[in-house]
C-alpha atoms as a PDB file:
ATOM      1  CA  MET A   1     -12.879  27.410  -0.499  1.00  0.00           C
ATOM      2  CA  SER A   2     -13.168  29.653   2.508  1.00  0.00           C
ATOM      3  CA  GLU A   3     -10.176  30.659   4.525  1.00  0.00           C
ATOM      4  CA  THR A   4     -11.493  28.568   7.409  1.00  0.00           C
ATOM      5  CA  GLY A   5     -11.699  25.618   4.953  1.00  0.00           C
ATOM      6  CA  LEU A   6      -8.107  26.079   3.852  1.00  0.00           C
ATOM      7  CA  LYS A   7      -6.814  26.137   7.450  1.00  0.00           C
ATOM      8  CA  VAL A   8      -7.603  22.488   7.885  1.00  0.00           C
ATOM      9  CA  PHE A   9      -4.767  21.784   5.448  1.00  0.00           C
ATOM     10  CA  THR A  10      -2.148  23.695   7.531  1.00  0.00           C
ATOM     11  CA  GLN A  11      -2.421  21.340  10.566  1.00  0.00           C
ATOM     12  CA  ARG A  12       0.395  19.086  11.600  1.00  0.00           C
ATOM     13  CA  LYS A  13      -1.733  16.051  11.457  1.00  0.00           C
ATOM     14  CA  MET A  14      -2.650  16.710   7.873  1.00  0.00           C
ATOM     15  CA  ALA A  15       1.142  16.936   6.889  1.00  0.00           C
ATOM     16  CA  ALA A  16       1.554  13.668   8.745  1.00  0.00           C
ATOM     17  CA  ILE A  17      -1.237  11.926   6.915  1.00  0.00           C
ATOM     18  CA  GLY A  18       0.205  12.916   3.620  1.00  0.00           C
ATOM     19  CA  LEU A  19       3.561  11.466   4.566  1.00  0.00           C
ATOM     20  CA  LEU A  20       1.917   8.258   5.814  1.00  0.00           C
ATOM     21  CA  GLY A  21       0.043   8.054   2.534  1.00  0.00           C
ATOM     22  CA  PHE A  22       3.314   8.046   0.769  1.00  0.00           C
ATOM     23  CA  ALA A  23       4.753   5.348   3.046  1.00  0.00           C
ATOM     24  CA  GLY A  24       1.469   3.239   2.512  1.00  0.00           C
ATOM     25  CA  GLY A  25       1.741   3.564  -1.339  1.00  0.00           C
ATOM     26  CA  LEU A  26       5.424   2.884  -1.641  1.00  0.00           C
ATOM     27  CA  PRO A  27       5.273  -0.963  -1.400  1.00  0.00           C
ATOM     28  CA  LEU A  28       2.370  -1.642  -3.625  1.00  0.00           C
ATOM     29  CA  PHE A  29       4.104  -1.538  -7.105  1.00  0.00           C
ATOM     30  CA  LEU A  30       7.163  -3.073  -5.661  1.00  0.00           C
ATOM     31  CA  THR A  31       5.268  -6.372  -5.392  1.00  0.00           C
ATOM     32  CA  SER A  32       3.246  -6.014  -8.639  1.00  0.00           C
ATOM     33  CA  ARG A  33       3.888  -3.916 -11.613  1.00  0.00           C
ATOM     34  CA  THR A  34       7.592  -2.769 -10.868  1.00  0.00           C
ATOM     35  CA  LEU A  35       8.354  -6.371  -9.746  1.00  0.00           C
ATOM     36  CA  GLN A  36       6.943  -7.672 -13.065  1.00  0.00           C
ATOM     37  CA  ALA A  37       9.350  -5.297 -14.909  1.00  0.00           C
ATOM     38  CA  TRP A  38      12.333  -6.589 -12.957  1.00  0.00           C
ATOM     39  CA  MET A  39      11.371 -10.263 -13.667  1.00  0.00           C
ATOM     40  CA  THR A  40      10.793  -9.532 -17.370  1.00  0.00           C
ATOM     41  CA  ALA A  41      14.251  -8.028 -17.481  1.00  0.00           C
ATOM     42  CA  GLU A  42      15.706 -11.198 -15.884  1.00  0.00           C
ATOM     43  CA  LYS A  43      13.947 -13.205 -18.607  1.00  0.00           C
ATOM     44  CA  VAL A  44      11.714 -15.088 -16.188  1.00  0.00           C
ATOM     45  CA  ASP A  45       8.869 -17.018 -18.077  1.00  0.00           C
ATOM     46  CA  LEU A  46       5.571 -15.340 -18.309  1.00  0.00           C
ATOM     47  CA  THR A  47       3.731 -18.185 -16.474  1.00  0.00           C
ATOM     48  CA  THR A  48       5.840 -17.545 -13.423  1.00  0.00           C
ATOM     49  CA  ILE A  49       5.449 -13.784 -13.825  1.00  0.00           C
ATOM     50  CA  GLY A  50       1.594 -14.384 -13.847  1.00  0.00           C
ATOM     51  CA  LEU A  51       1.577 -16.561 -10.810  1.00  0.00           C
ATOM     52  CA  PHE A  52       3.415 -13.881  -8.946  1.00  0.00           C
ATOM     53  CA  SER A  53       0.188 -11.888  -8.864  1.00  0.00           C
ATOM     54  CA  LEU A  54      -0.837 -14.075  -5.919  1.00  0.00           C
ATOM     55  CA  VAL A  55       1.763 -12.476  -3.684  1.00  0.00           C
ATOM     56  CA  GLY A  56      -0.792  -9.559  -3.653  1.00  0.00           C
ATOM     57  CA  LEU A  57      -3.354 -11.602  -1.721  1.00  0.00           C
ATOM     58  CA  PRO A  58      -2.721  -9.927   1.671  1.00  0.00           C
ATOM     59  CA  TYR A  59      -4.216  -6.759   0.221  1.00  0.00           C
ATOM     60  CA  SER A  60      -7.523  -8.577  -0.452  1.00  0.00           C
ATOM     61  CA  THR A  61      -7.550 -10.635   2.788  1.00  0.00           C
ATOM     62  CA  LYS A  62      -6.263  -8.044   5.368  1.00  0.00           C
ATOM     63  CA  PHE A  63      -9.559  -7.971   7.133  1.00  0.00           C
ATOM     64  CA  LEU A  64      -8.702 -11.453   8.551  1.00  0.00           C
ATOM     65  CA  TRP A  65      -6.003  -9.978  10.864  1.00  0.00           C
ATOM     66  CA  ALA A  66      -7.277  -6.307  11.077  1.00  0.00           C
ATOM     67  CA  PRO A  67      -9.022  -7.342  14.423  1.00  0.00           C
ATOM     68  CA  VAL A  68      -5.611  -8.334  15.850  1.00  0.00           C
ATOM     69  CA  VAL A  69      -4.146  -4.969  14.942  1.00  0.00           C
ATOM     70  CA  ASP A  70      -7.083  -3.209  16.392  1.00  0.00           C
ATOM     71  CA  ARG A  71      -7.148  -5.364  19.568  1.00  0.00           C
ATOM     72  CA  TYR A  72      -3.511  -5.305  20.717  1.00  0.00           C
ATOM     73  CA  ALA A  73      -1.255  -2.271  21.316  1.00  0.00           C
ATOM     74  CA  PRO A  74       2.531  -2.309  20.890  1.00  0.00           C
ATOM     75  CA  PRO A  75       4.486  -1.165  24.077  1.00  0.00           C
ATOM     76  CA  PHE A  76       5.629   1.977  22.454  1.00  0.00           C
ATOM     77  CA  LEU A  77       4.238   4.908  20.448  1.00  0.00           C
ATOM     78  CA  GLY A  78       0.512   4.028  21.254  1.00  0.00           C
ATOM     79  CA  ARG A  79      -1.936   1.620  19.773  1.00  0.00           C
ATOM     80  CA  ARG A  80      -1.845   3.075  16.056  1.00  0.00           C
ATOM     81  CA  ARG A  81       1.518   4.566  15.628  1.00  0.00           C
ATOM     82  CA  GLY A  82       3.318   1.624  17.321  1.00  0.00           C
ATOM     83  CA  TRP A  83       1.820  -0.825  14.553  1.00  0.00           C
ATOM     84  CA  MET A  84       2.763   1.774  11.950  1.00  0.00           C
ATOM     85  CA  ALA A  85       6.283   2.118  13.008  1.00  0.00           C
ATOM     86  CA  MET A  86       6.854  -1.748  13.425  1.00  0.00           C
ATOM     87  CA  ALA A  87       5.299  -2.357   9.923  1.00  0.00           C
ATOM     88  CA  GLN A  88       7.456   0.444   8.304  1.00  0.00           C
ATOM     89  CA  ALA A  89      10.715  -0.623   9.748  1.00  0.00           C
ATOM     90  CA  ALA A  90       9.968  -4.295   8.838  1.00  0.00           C
ATOM     91  CA  LEU A  91       9.053  -3.231   5.397  1.00  0.00           C
ATOM     92  CA  ALA A  92      12.392  -1.402   4.910  1.00  0.00           C
ATOM     93  CA  LEU A  93      14.099  -4.609   5.810  1.00  0.00           C
ATOM     94  CA  ALA A  94      11.973  -6.810   3.642  1.00  0.00           C
ATOM     95  CA  ILE A  95      12.263  -4.616   0.554  1.00  0.00           C
ATOM     96  CA  ALA A  96      16.085  -4.603   1.131  1.00  0.00           C
ATOM     97  CA  ALA A  97      15.959  -8.420   1.363  1.00  0.00           C
ATOM     98  CA  LEU A  98      14.140  -8.484  -1.956  1.00  0.00           C
ATOM     99  CA  ALA A  99      16.757  -6.283  -3.390  1.00  0.00           C
ATOM    100  CA  PHE A 100      19.323  -9.072  -2.696  1.00  0.00           C
ATOM    101  CA  GLY A 101      17.028 -11.830  -4.188  1.00  0.00           C
ATOM    102  CA  ASN A 102      17.275 -13.343  -7.633  1.00  0.00           C
ATOM    103  CA  PRO A 103      13.922 -13.796  -9.346  1.00  0.00           C
ATOM    104  CA  ARG A 104      15.409 -16.206 -11.954  1.00  0.00           C
ATOM    105  CA  THR A 105      17.594 -18.601 -10.001  1.00  0.00           C
ATOM    106  CA  ALA A 106      15.935 -18.386  -6.550  1.00  0.00           C
ATOM    107  CA  THR A 107      12.342 -17.821  -7.643  1.00  0.00           C
ATOM    108  CA  LEU A 108      10.692 -19.637  -4.582  1.00  0.00           C
ATOM    109  CA  ALA A 109      12.599 -17.527  -2.079  1.00  0.00           C
ATOM    110  CA  PHE A 110      12.087 -14.401  -4.029  1.00  0.00           C
ATOM    111  CA  ALA A 111       8.296 -15.187  -3.999  1.00  0.00           C
ATOM    112  CA  PHE A 112       8.232 -15.718  -0.200  1.00  0.00           C
ATOM    113  CA  THR A 113      10.119 -12.450   0.403  1.00  0.00           C
ATOM    114  CA  ALA A 114       7.636 -10.496  -2.074  1.00  0.00           C
ATOM    115  CA  PHE A 115       4.682 -12.022  -0.104  1.00  0.00           C
ATOM    116  CA  GLY A 116       6.203 -10.815   3.087  1.00  0.00           C
ATOM    117  CA  VAL A 117       6.452  -7.390   1.689  1.00  0.00           C
ATOM    118  CA  ALA A 118       2.808  -7.440   0.610  1.00  0.00           C
ATOM    119  CA  LEU A 119       1.823  -8.829   4.083  1.00  0.00           C
ATOM    120  CA  LEU A 120       3.536  -6.085   6.031  1.00  0.00           C
ATOM    121  CA  SER A 121       2.172  -3.365   3.544  1.00  0.00           C
ATOM    122  CA  ALA A 122      -1.500  -4.712   4.082  1.00  0.00           C
ATOM    123  CA  THR A 123      -0.782  -4.538   7.809  1.00  0.00           C
ATOM    124  CA  LEU A 124       0.482  -0.915   7.434  1.00  0.00           C
ATOM    125  CA  ASP A 125      -2.594   0.012   5.493  1.00  0.00           C
ATOM    126  CA  ILE A 126      -4.715  -1.310   8.509  1.00  0.00           C
ATOM    127  CA  ALA A 127      -2.874   0.721  10.967  1.00  0.00           C
ATOM    128  CA  ILE A 128      -2.922   3.882   8.894  1.00  0.00           C
ATOM    129  CA  ASP A 129      -6.502   3.729   8.104  1.00  0.00           C
ATOM    130  CA  ALA A 130      -7.338   3.181  11.871  1.00  0.00           C
ATOM    131  CA  TYR A 131      -4.969   6.219  12.769  1.00  0.00           C
ATOM    132  CA  ARG A 132      -6.850   8.420  10.327  1.00  0.00           C
ATOM    133  CA  VAL A 133     -10.177   7.514  11.902  1.00  0.00           C
ATOM    134  CA  ASP A 134      -8.895   8.289  15.308  1.00  0.00           C
ATOM    135  CA  VAL A 135      -6.867  11.487  14.655  1.00  0.00           C
ATOM    136  CA  LEU A 136      -9.319  13.350  12.286  1.00  0.00           C
ATOM    137  CA  GLU A 137     -12.509  15.093  13.380  1.00  0.00           C
ATOM    138  CA  PRO A 138     -15.619  14.158  11.300  1.00  0.00           C
ATOM    139  CA  LEU A 139     -15.539  17.401   9.233  1.00  0.00           C
ATOM    140  CA  GLU A 140     -11.827  16.855   8.478  1.00  0.00           C
ATOM    141  CA  ALA A 141     -12.314  13.320   6.980  1.00  0.00           C
ATOM    142  CA  GLY A 142     -12.709  14.603   3.437  1.00  0.00           C
ATOM    143  CA  ALA A 143      -9.657  16.710   3.522  1.00  0.00           C
ATOM    144  CA  GLY A 144      -7.584  13.997   5.378  1.00  0.00           C
ATOM    145  CA  THR A 145      -8.602  11.571   2.618  1.00  0.00           C
ATOM    146  CA  ALA A 146      -7.517  13.878  -0.096  1.00  0.00           C
ATOM    147  CA  VAL A 147      -4.123  14.506   1.583  1.00  0.00           C
ATOM    148  CA  TYR A 148      -3.611  10.846   2.066  1.00  0.00           C
ATOM    149  CA  VAL A 149      -4.428   9.988  -1.552  1.00  0.00           C
ATOM    150  CA  VAL A 150      -2.055  12.719  -2.821  1.00  0.00           C
ATOM    151  CA  GLY A 151       0.782  11.111  -0.721  1.00  0.00           C
ATOM    152  CA  TYR A 152      -0.218   7.608  -1.859  1.00  0.00           C
ATOM    153  CA  ARG A 153      -0.224   8.611  -5.604  1.00  0.00           C
ATOM    154  CA  ALA A 154       3.140  10.412  -5.171  1.00  0.00           C
ATOM    155  CA  ALA A 155       4.537   7.069  -3.892  1.00  0.00           C
ATOM    156  CA  LEU A 156       3.168   5.301  -6.936  1.00  0.00           C
ATOM    157  CA  LEU A 157       4.808   7.729  -9.234  1.00  0.00           C
ATOM    158  CA  ILE A 158       8.163   7.049  -7.534  1.00  0.00           C
ATOM    159  CA  THR A 159       7.733   3.223  -7.703  1.00  0.00           C
ATOM    160  CA  GLY A 160       5.879   3.038 -11.026  1.00  0.00           C
ATOM    161  CA  SER A 161       7.717   5.588 -13.011  1.00  0.00           C
ATOM    162  CA  ALA A 162      11.046   6.755 -11.367  1.00  0.00           C
ATOM    163  CA  ALA A 163      11.970   3.193 -10.382  1.00  0.00           C
ATOM    164  CA  LEU A 164      11.684   1.947 -14.109  1.00  0.00           C
ATOM    165  CA  ILE A 165      13.587   4.929 -15.370  1.00  0.00           C
ATOM    166  CA  LEU A 166      16.383   4.299 -12.809  1.00  0.00           C
ATOM    167  CA  ALA A 167      16.465   0.652 -13.699  1.00  0.00           C
ATOM    168  CA  ASP A 168      17.915   1.601 -17.176  1.00  0.00           C
ATOM    169  CA  ARG A 169      20.786   3.398 -15.421  1.00  0.00           C
ATOM    170  CA  MET A 170      21.519   1.042 -12.392  1.00  0.00           C
ATOM    171  CA  THR A 171      20.941  -2.516 -11.318  1.00  0.00           C
ATOM    172  CA  TRP A 172      17.376  -3.540 -10.247  1.00  0.00           C
ATOM    173  CA  SER A 173      18.897  -4.488  -6.845  1.00  0.00           C
ATOM    174  CA  SER A 174      20.199  -0.934  -6.410  1.00  0.00           C
ATOM    175  CA  VAL A 175      16.694   0.476  -7.326  1.00  0.00           C
ATOM    176  CA  TYR A 176      15.027  -1.619  -4.598  1.00  0.00           C
ATOM    177  CA  LEU A 177      17.661  -0.552  -2.085  1.00  0.00           C
ATOM    178  CA  VAL A 178      16.781   3.049  -2.838  1.00  0.00           C
ATOM    179  CA  MET A 179      13.093   2.193  -2.318  1.00  0.00           C
ATOM    180  CA  ALA A 180      13.916   0.529   1.007  1.00  0.00           C
ATOM    181  CA  ALA A 181      15.682   3.590   2.167  1.00  0.00           C
ATOM    182  CA  LEU A 182      12.741   5.789   1.240  1.00  0.00           C
ATOM    183  CA  MET A 183      10.513   3.528   3.414  1.00  0.00           C
ATOM    184  CA  LEU A 184      12.532   4.749   6.452  1.00  0.00           C
ATOM    185  CA  LEU A 185      10.880   8.261   5.830  1.00  0.00           C
ATOM    186  CA  GLY A 186       7.601   6.540   7.006  1.00  0.00           C
ATOM    187  CA  VAL A 187       9.066   5.758  10.258  1.00  0.00           C
ATOM    188  CA  ALA A 188      10.298   9.216  10.794  1.00  0.00           C
ATOM    189  CA  ALA A 189       6.760  10.495   9.809  1.00  0.00           C
ATOM    190  CA  THR A 190       5.167   8.049  12.297  1.00  0.00           C
ATOM    191  CA  ILE A 191       7.273   9.228  15.217  1.00  0.00           C
ATOM    192  CA  TRP A 192       6.624  12.915  14.320  1.00  0.00           C
ATOM    193  CA  SER A 193       2.866  12.247  13.836  1.00  0.00           C
ATOM    194  CA  PRO A 194       0.637  13.490  16.724  1.00  0.00           C
ATOM    195  CA  GLU A 195      -0.983  11.002  18.977  1.00  0.00           C
ATOM    196  CA  PRO A 196      -4.846  10.854  18.532  1.00  0.00           C
ATOM    197  CA  PRO A 197      -6.313  12.923  21.392  1.00  0.00           C
ATOM    198  CA  ALA A 198      -9.165  10.435  22.156  1.00  0.00           C
ATOM    199  CA  ALA A 199      -8.372   7.134  20.465  1.00  0.00           C
ATOM    200  CA  SER A 200     -11.255   4.655  20.364  1.00  0.00           C
ATOM    201  CA  ARG A 201     -11.524   2.014  23.043  1.00  0.00           C
ATOM    202  CA  PRO A 202      -9.795  -1.303  21.956  1.00  0.00           C
ATOM    203  CA  PRO A 203     -11.992  -4.347  21.962  1.00  0.00           C
ATOM    204  CA  GLU A 204     -11.822  -6.232  25.286  1.00  0.00           C
ATOM    205  CA  THR A 205     -11.888  -9.576  23.597  1.00  0.00           C
ATOM    206  CA  MET A 206     -11.385 -11.201  20.153  1.00  0.00           C
ATOM    207  CA  ALA A 207     -14.976 -12.093  20.012  1.00  0.00           C
ATOM    208  CA  GLU A 208     -15.849  -8.301  20.480  1.00  0.00           C
ATOM    209  CA  ALA A 209     -13.396  -7.456  17.739  1.00  0.00           C
ATOM    210  CA  VAL A 210     -14.472 -10.098  15.120  1.00  0.00           C
ATOM    211  CA  ILE A 211     -17.965 -11.422  15.881  1.00  0.00           C
ATOM    212  CA  GLU A 212     -19.769  -8.332  17.013  1.00  0.00           C
ATOM    213  CA  PRO A 213     -18.936  -6.201  13.913  1.00  0.00           C
ATOM    214  CA  PHE A 214     -20.106  -8.960  11.543  1.00  0.00           C
ATOM    215  CA  ARG A 215     -23.294  -9.526  13.544  1.00  0.00           C
ATOM    216  CA  ASP A 216     -23.944  -5.772  13.424  1.00  0.00           C
ATOM    217  CA  PHE A 217     -23.241  -5.656   9.762  1.00  0.00           C
ATOM    218  CA  PHE A 218     -25.698  -8.541   8.938  1.00  0.00           C
ATOM    219  CA  ALA A 219     -28.276  -7.210  11.213  1.00  0.00           C
ATOM    220  CA  ARG A 220     -28.309  -3.860   9.554  1.00  0.00           C
ATOM    221  CA  SER A 221     -27.920  -5.085   5.923  1.00  0.00           C
ATOM    222  CA  ARG A 222     -30.005  -8.315   6.232  1.00  0.00           C
ATOM    223  CA  TRP A 223     -30.375  -9.983   2.809  1.00  0.00           C
ATOM    224  CA  ARG A 224     -28.188  -7.301   1.195  1.00  0.00           C
ATOM    225  CA  ALA A 225     -25.084  -8.332   3.321  1.00  0.00           C
ATOM    226  CA  GLY A 226     -24.178 -11.279   1.035  1.00  0.00           C
ATOM    227  CA  VAL A 227     -24.583  -9.261  -2.092  1.00  0.00           C
ATOM    228  CA  ILE A 228     -22.463  -6.468  -0.720  1.00  0.00           C
ATOM    229  CA  LEU A 229     -19.674  -8.854   0.282  1.00  0.00           C
ATOM    230  CA  VAL A 230     -19.733 -10.534  -3.171  1.00  0.00           C
ATOM    231  CA  PHE A 231     -19.570  -7.225  -4.849  1.00  0.00           C
ATOM    232  CA  ILE A 232     -16.613  -6.086  -2.769  1.00  0.00           C
ATOM    233  CA  THR A 233     -14.804  -9.263  -3.644  1.00  0.00           C
ATOM    234  CA  LEU A 234     -15.397  -9.313  -7.331  1.00  0.00           C
ATOM    235  CA  TYR A 235     -15.831  -5.721  -8.626  1.00  0.00           C
ATOM    236  CA  ARG A 236     -12.201  -5.246  -9.550  1.00  0.00           C
ATOM    237  CA  LEU A 237     -11.512  -8.853 -10.713  1.00  0.00           C
ATOM    238  CA  ALA A 238     -11.766  -7.962 -14.528  1.00  0.00           C
ATOM    239  CA  ASP A 239      -9.431  -5.076 -14.000  1.00  0.00           C
ATOM    240  CA  SER A 240      -6.889  -7.181 -12.249  1.00  0.00           C
ATOM    241  CA  PHE A 241      -6.799  -9.781 -14.929  1.00  0.00           C
ATOM    242  CA  ALA A 242      -6.676  -7.211 -17.649  1.00  0.00           C
ATOM    243  CA  GLY A 243      -3.785  -5.219 -16.105  1.00  0.00           C
ATOM    244  CA  ASN A 244      -1.836  -8.036 -14.438  1.00  0.00           C
ATOM    245  CA  MET A 245       0.533  -8.757 -17.537  1.00  0.00           C
ATOM    246  CA  ALA A 246       0.465  -5.221 -18.982  1.00  0.00           C
ATOM    247  CA  THR A 247       4.084  -4.279 -18.007  1.00  0.00           C
ATOM    248  CA  PRO A 248       5.677  -7.658 -19.250  1.00  0.00           C
ATOM    249  CA  PHE A 249       3.636  -7.227 -22.542  1.00  0.00           C
ATOM    250  CA  LEU A 250       4.897  -3.730 -23.144  1.00  0.00           C
ATOM    251  CA  LEU A 251       8.618  -4.596 -22.379  1.00  0.00           C
ATOM    252  CA  LYS A 252       8.520  -7.655 -24.560  1.00  0.00           C
ATOM    253  CA  SER A 253       6.977  -5.503 -27.353  1.00  0.00           C
ATOM    254  CA  GLY A 254      10.162  -3.601 -27.611  1.00  0.00           C
ATOM    255  CA  PHE A 255       9.594  -0.567 -25.277  1.00  0.00           C
ATOM    256  CA  SER A 256      12.461   0.201 -22.852  1.00  0.00           C
ATOM    257  CA  GLN A 257      12.012   0.391 -19.134  1.00  0.00           C
ATOM    258  CA  THR A 258      12.248   4.068 -19.444  1.00  0.00           C
ATOM    259  CA  ASP A 259       9.480   4.251 -21.941  1.00  0.00           C
ATOM    260  CA  VAL A 260       7.259   2.216 -19.681  1.00  0.00           C
ATOM    261  CA  GLY A 261       8.064   4.118 -16.592  1.00  0.00           C
ATOM    262  CA  ALA A 262       7.578   7.558 -18.268  1.00  0.00           C
ATOM    263  CA  ILE A 263       4.442   6.843 -20.076  1.00  0.00           C
ATOM    264  CA  GLN A 264       2.592   4.134 -18.161  1.00  0.00           C
ATOM    265  CA  GLY A 265       3.929   4.956 -14.673  1.00  0.00           C
ATOM    266  CA  GLY A 266       4.148   8.679 -15.240  1.00  0.00           C
ATOM    267  CA  VAL A 267       1.859  10.202 -17.759  1.00  0.00           C
ATOM    268  CA  GLY A 268      -0.685   7.286 -17.251  1.00  0.00           C
ATOM    269  CA  LEU A 269      -0.942   7.697 -13.576  1.00  0.00           C
ATOM    270  CA  LEU A 270      -1.087  11.550 -13.826  1.00  0.00           C
ATOM    271  CA  ALA A 271      -3.847  11.222 -16.340  1.00  0.00           C
ATOM    272  CA  THR A 272      -5.716   8.876 -13.996  1.00  0.00           C
ATOM    273  CA  ILE A 273      -5.368  11.499 -11.190  1.00  0.00           C
ATOM    274  CA  VAL A 274      -6.679  14.257 -13.407  1.00  0.00           C
ATOM    275  CA  GLY A 275      -9.559  12.106 -14.497  1.00  0.00           C
ATOM    276  CA  ALA A 276     -10.378  11.194 -10.878  1.00  0.00           C
ATOM    277  CA  LEU A 277     -10.451  14.910 -10.077  1.00  0.00           C
END
């Protein structure tokens, strides 16, 4: 890579995007794989653990309220950073609330709290993606995506590997409180992040925010539009079913939480990153 190409990674906004990627990735496993490990340790039945995968629905349906995030701006930190800061602060509180829950004796309340974490996390994803579009020049988009993914994967290593290893040395509640504290790093990163120099104009009406993009999409894609939407909805379905109960299976097979964290969450994730590269 040329010297000019390397300079793009030395910009303040690239460092900010990396930190925001870390904040965006932190809640994901805390409502899925890592949460399943906690529930397995608490001897929650497998049917309940399987049903808990439904708390991840906000990640698949976030397009429903993305226009609201795009349309309205908070009264502080601008249209993008304001939403990021609010979502991250709320996530720190929600993850802390999850830490004080009990998956075995207060399962329903625990489920609603986990759903709240996923909802806030999906909203944070919307805001971060919009911020990246606004703050990066077209030629910086590839580098920005790479930096974001590195931060995101680093968070998955913390929550999918380190969290399980820590759980063999402290209570699960303490582990989740540590994760809630790490979420506050995202708030600091958001405040430090540069404001986009020329943010896109917000839609003037909800019709412009919701109806016009769909009309444009169907006008350009025509008959392929339905096929594209079905593909987007279903292409990861098999992976989701196959991997949904992997962590409870490994723990019930006799592996320790440290084993699962080090191999599945650590070596497994690193191998995935190397394979992707």
